[in-house]
């Protein structure tokens, strides 16, 4: 392994329960009850795209900018004070850095919240590359996302490992030839069969990883 690519929410940060309900809870202000279709659709969208979809779906009398502003205030507070680091994360980062393995953060979360997290947990100098939802145009369901990253680091796919909780990202990485470590505590239960197909190594959380098995990938 020469490059370790980490997702953020649900992988190194314990934030998925909040993220799963943030838009749904916001709808209550409009006396709207979200159905299953909306919940499923939101799972694969960035926050902004999810808001656009929600406003259109329910014909809400508001703007994307207003909803983004209000939700980002809530998220800012959580990233500053609420969300906790997954147990074992710092230790894993230190182990990988000591072995001269490059680290990349690859998240669909906005840069403003990622910066807050990096500063709060002292990770500003930890990552060699940080990809967010608004500092590049691609998403993790696009093979170019990973191919461009490998090209930038001049690393072969088999020397890169993705640490992830979402099956769609695992699928893309696997199709590009990367190794996949599935962290399933916060994975959508309905996608666990897919995860089995893509994972080279599967554990519940980072704290459960066996470093020797990891390095054998």
Protein backbone atom coordinates (compact mmCIF):
# COMPACT_ATOMS: atom_id res chain seq x y z
CA UNK A 1 0.00 0.00 0.00
CA UNK A 2 1.35 3.38 -1.05
CA UNK A 3 -1.82 5.48 -0.86
CA UNK A 4 -4.66 5.30 1.70
CA UNK A 5 -7.85 7.13 0.70
CA UNK A 6 -10.28 7.86 3.52
CA UNK A 7 -13.92 8.81 3.32
CA UNK A 8 -14.90 11.14 6.18
CA UNK A 9 -18.49 10.84 7.44
CA UNK A 10 -19.23 7.36 8.71
CA UNK A 11 -15.63 6.28 8.21
CA UNK A 12 -13.48 8.48 10.45
CA UNK A 13 -16.20 10.76 11.88
CA UNK A 14 -19.25 9.48 13.77
CA UNK A 15 -21.79 11.69 11.98
CA UNK A 16 -24.03 9.44 9.90
CA UNK A 17 -27.05 9.32 12.27
CA UNK A 18 -27.22 13.12 12.11
CA UNK A 19 -26.68 13.26 8.34
CA UNK A 20 -29.37 10.63 7.76
CA UNK A 21 -31.98 12.86 9.37
CA UNK A 22 -30.89 16.44 8.73
CA UNK A 23 -33.03 17.07 5.63
CA UNK A 24 -35.88 14.95 6.95
CA UNK A 25 -35.98 16.93 10.20
CA UNK A 26 -35.87 20.19 8.26
CA UNK A 27 -39.01 19.19 6.36
CA UNK A 28 -40.96 19.17 9.61
CA UNK A 29 -40.80 22.96 9.58
CA UNK A 30 -43.07 22.81 6.53
CA UNK A 31 -45.32 20.14 8.05
CA UNK A 32 -44.10 17.65 5.48
CA UNK A 33 -43.61 13.95 6.16
CA UNK A 34 -40.82 12.43 4.05
CA UNK A 35 -41.58 9.18 2.29
CA UNK A 36 -39.23 6.29 1.58
CA UNK A 37 -38.55 7.48 -1.97
CA UNK A 38 -37.14 10.77 -0.71
CA UNK A 39 -35.00 9.14 1.97
CA UNK A 40 -33.52 6.70 -0.53
CA UNK A 41 -32.87 9.40 -3.10
CA UNK A 42 -31.08 11.63 -0.60
CA UNK A 43 -28.59 8.94 0.35
CA UNK A 44 -26.65 9.34 -2.90
CA UNK A 45 -26.74 13.14 -3.17
CA UNK A 46 -24.55 15.91 -1.84
CA UNK A 47 -26.22 18.27 0.62
CA UNK A 48 -26.88 20.93 -2.03
CA UNK A 49 -28.22 18.45 -4.57
CA UNK A 50 -30.41 16.92 -1.88
CA UNK A 51 -31.88 20.32 -1.03
CA UNK A 52 -32.60 21.06 -4.70
CA UNK A 53 -34.35 17.71 -5.01
CA UNK A 54 -36.32 18.22 -1.77
CA UNK A 55 -37.55 21.72 -2.70
CA UNK A 56 -38.68 20.53 -6.12
CA UNK A 57 -40.24 17.31 -4.82
CA UNK A 58 -42.33 19.06 -2.15
CA UNK A 59 -42.75 22.41 -3.94
CA UNK A 60 -41.46 24.25 -0.89
CA UNK A 61 -41.76 28.01 -0.66
CA UNK A 62 -38.07 28.64 0.00
CA UNK A 63 -34.76 28.84 -1.82
CA UNK A 64 -31.77 26.55 -2.04
CA UNK A 65 -29.60 29.32 -0.60
CA UNK A 66 -31.84 29.79 2.44
CA UNK A 67 -32.02 26.09 3.25
CA UNK A 68 -28.27 25.68 2.73
CA UNK A 69 -27.62 28.59 5.08
CA UNK A 70 -29.81 27.15 7.84
CA UNK A 71 -28.55 23.60 7.51
CA UNK A 72 -24.94 24.72 7.36
CA UNK A 73 -25.39 26.56 10.66
CA UNK A 74 -26.54 23.29 12.22
CA UNK A 75 -23.69 21.35 10.62
CA UNK A 76 -21.09 23.90 11.64
CA UNK A 77 -22.06 23.48 15.29
CA UNK A 78 -21.92 19.69 15.01
CA UNK A 79 -18.51 19.60 13.32
CA UNK A 80 -17.16 22.06 15.89
CA UNK A 81 -18.63 20.52 19.01
CA UNK A 82 -20.74 17.46 18.37
CA UNK A 83 -19.35 14.84 16.01
CA UNK A 84 -16.63 12.65 17.47
CA UNK A 85 -13.69 10.94 15.84
CA UNK A 86 -14.06 7.21 15.36
CA UNK A 87 -11.99 5.25 17.86
CA UNK A 88 -8.61 4.16 16.52
CA UNK A 89 -8.48 6.75 13.74
CA UNK A 90 -5.54 8.80 15.01
CA UNK A 91 -3.56 5.66 15.75
CA UNK A 92 -4.15 4.29 12.25
CA UNK A 93 -3.10 7.57 10.65
CA UNK A 94 0.10 7.60 12.70
CA UNK A 95 0.87 3.98 11.78
CA UNK A 96 0.41 4.64 8.08
CA UNK A 97 2.40 7.88 8.12
CA UNK A 98 5.24 6.13 9.95
CA UNK A 99 5.35 3.66 7.06
CA UNK A 100 5.56 6.53 4.52
CA UNK A 101 2.09 5.79 3.12
CA UNK A 102 0.39 8.79 1.55
CA UNK A 103 -3.00 9.79 3.00
CA UNK A 104 -5.89 11.35 1.10
CA UNK A 105 -9.25 12.53 2.46
CA UNK A 106 -12.04 12.06 -0.09
CA UNK A 107 -15.43 13.31 1.04
CA UNK A 108 -18.71 14.63 -0.35
CA UNK A 109 -18.88 17.13 2.51
CA UNK A 110 -18.31 20.85 1.90
CA UNK A 111 -14.86 22.35 2.39
CA UNK A 112 -15.99 24.66 5.20
CA UNK A 113 -16.99 21.68 7.37
CA UNK A 114 -13.96 19.62 6.36
CA UNK A 115 -11.67 22.48 7.41
CA UNK A 116 -13.43 22.65 10.76
CA UNK A 117 -12.88 18.94 11.28
CA UNK A 118 -9.21 19.09 10.24
CA UNK A 119 -8.50 21.91 12.69
CA UNK A 120 -10.52 20.45 15.54
CA UNK A 121 -8.75 17.08 15.48
CA UNK A 122 -5.32 18.34 14.46
CA UNK A 123 -5.32 16.75 11.01
CA UNK A 124 -4.32 19.83 9.01
CA UNK A 125 -0.89 18.36 8.21
CA UNK A 126 -2.00 14.72 8.18
CA UNK A 127 -3.38 14.45 4.66
CA UNK A 128 -1.34 14.82 1.50
CA UNK A 129 -4.52 15.62 -0.44
CA UNK A 130 -8.04 16.67 0.54
CA UNK A 131 -10.97 16.30 -1.88
CA UNK A 132 -14.33 17.83 -0.92
CA UNK A 133 -17.68 18.36 -2.60
CA UNK A 134 -16.75 21.85 -3.77
CA UNK A 135 -13.04 21.82 -4.55
CA UNK A 136 -13.44 19.54 -7.58
CA UNK A 137 -16.24 18.67 -9.99
CA UNK A 138 -16.29 14.88 -9.80
CA UNK A 139 -18.08 12.53 -7.42
CA UNK A 140 -17.04 9.15 -6.08
CA UNK A 141 -19.44 7.38 -8.43
CA UNK A 142 -17.33 8.55 -11.38
CA UNK A 143 -14.23 6.42 -12.22
CA UNK A 144 -12.38 9.60 -13.19
CA UNK A 145 -12.48 10.61 -9.52
CA UNK A 146 -10.12 7.80 -8.55
CA UNK A 147 -8.18 7.67 -11.81
CA UNK A 148 -7.26 11.35 -11.52
CA UNK A 149 -6.18 10.81 -7.93
CA UNK A 150 -3.95 7.88 -8.83
CA UNK A 151 -2.44 9.86 -11.68
CA UNK A 152 -1.70 12.81 -9.39
CA UNK A 153 0.15 10.57 -6.93
CA UNK A 154 1.69 8.50 -9.75
CA UNK A 155 0.49 5.32 -8.02
CA UNK A 156 -0.85 2.10 -9.55
CA UNK A 157 -4.41 1.09 -8.59
CA UNK A 158 -3.25 -2.04 -6.78
CA UNK A 159 -1.13 0.15 -4.47
CA UNK A 160 -4.10 2.25 -3.34
CA UNK A 161 -6.65 1.38 -0.66
CA UNK A 162 -10.03 3.04 -0.14
CA UNK A 163 -11.48 3.13 3.40
CA UNK A 164 -15.22 3.63 2.97
CA UNK A 165 -18.70 2.97 4.37
CA UNK A 166 -20.78 3.60 1.22
CA UNK A 167 -21.22 0.82 -1.32
CA UNK A 168 -21.47 3.08 -4.40
CA UNK A 169 -17.99 4.48 -3.75
CA UNK A 170 -16.59 1.01 -3.06
CA UNK A 171 -18.02 -0.16 -6.39
CA UNK A 172 -16.34 2.65 -8.35
CA UNK A 173 -13.00 2.18 -6.61
CA UNK A 174 -13.08 -1.56 -7.19
CA UNK A 175 -13.85 -1.07 -10.89
CA UNK A 176 -10.76 1.15 -11.05
CA UNK A 177 -8.59 -1.59 -9.55
CA UNK A 178 -8.20 -0.19 -6.03
CA UNK A 179 -8.33 -2.30 -2.88
CA UNK A 180 -11.31 -1.63 -0.60
CA UNK A 181 -11.60 -1.69 3.18
CA UNK A 182 -15.29 -1.65 4.09
CA UNK A 183 -16.22 -0.09 7.43
CA UNK A 184 -19.78 -1.22 7.88
CA UNK A 185 -21.07 0.16 11.19
CA UNK A 186 -22.86 3.02 9.39
CA UNK A 187 -23.37 1.33 6.03
CA UNK A 188 -26.93 1.24 4.69
CA UNK A 189 -28.10 -2.23 5.76
CA UNK A 190 -29.75 -2.80 2.39
CA UNK A 191 -26.41 -2.58 0.60
CA UNK A 192 -24.45 -5.07 2.71
CA UNK A 193 -24.66 -7.77 0.02
CA UNK A 194 -23.04 -5.36 -2.43
CA UNK A 195 -20.35 -4.50 0.10
CA UNK A 196 -19.45 -8.18 0.33
CA UNK A 197 -18.67 -8.14 -3.40
CA UNK A 198 -16.41 -5.12 -3.29
CA UNK A 199 -14.58 -5.43 0.03
CA UNK A 200 -11.07 -6.88 0.20
CA UNK A 201 -11.28 -6.45 3.95
CA UNK A 202 -14.41 -5.81 6.01
CA UNK A 203 -14.74 -4.70 9.64
CA UNK A 204 -17.28 -2.72 11.60
CA UNK A 205 -15.04 0.22 12.51
CA UNK A 206 -11.45 1.39 12.24
CA UNK A 207 -10.72 0.21 15.78
CA UNK A 208 -11.40 -3.37 14.62
CA UNK A 209 -8.73 -3.32 11.91
CA UNK A 210 -5.80 -5.71 12.13
CA UNK A 211 -2.85 -3.66 10.87
CA UNK A 212 -0.99 -6.74 9.64
CA UNK A 213 -3.95 -7.93 7.55
CA UNK A 214 -4.34 -4.41 6.24
CA UNK A 215 -0.75 -4.19 5.13
CA UNK A 216 -1.07 -7.52 3.33
CA UNK A 217 -3.63 -6.09 0.91
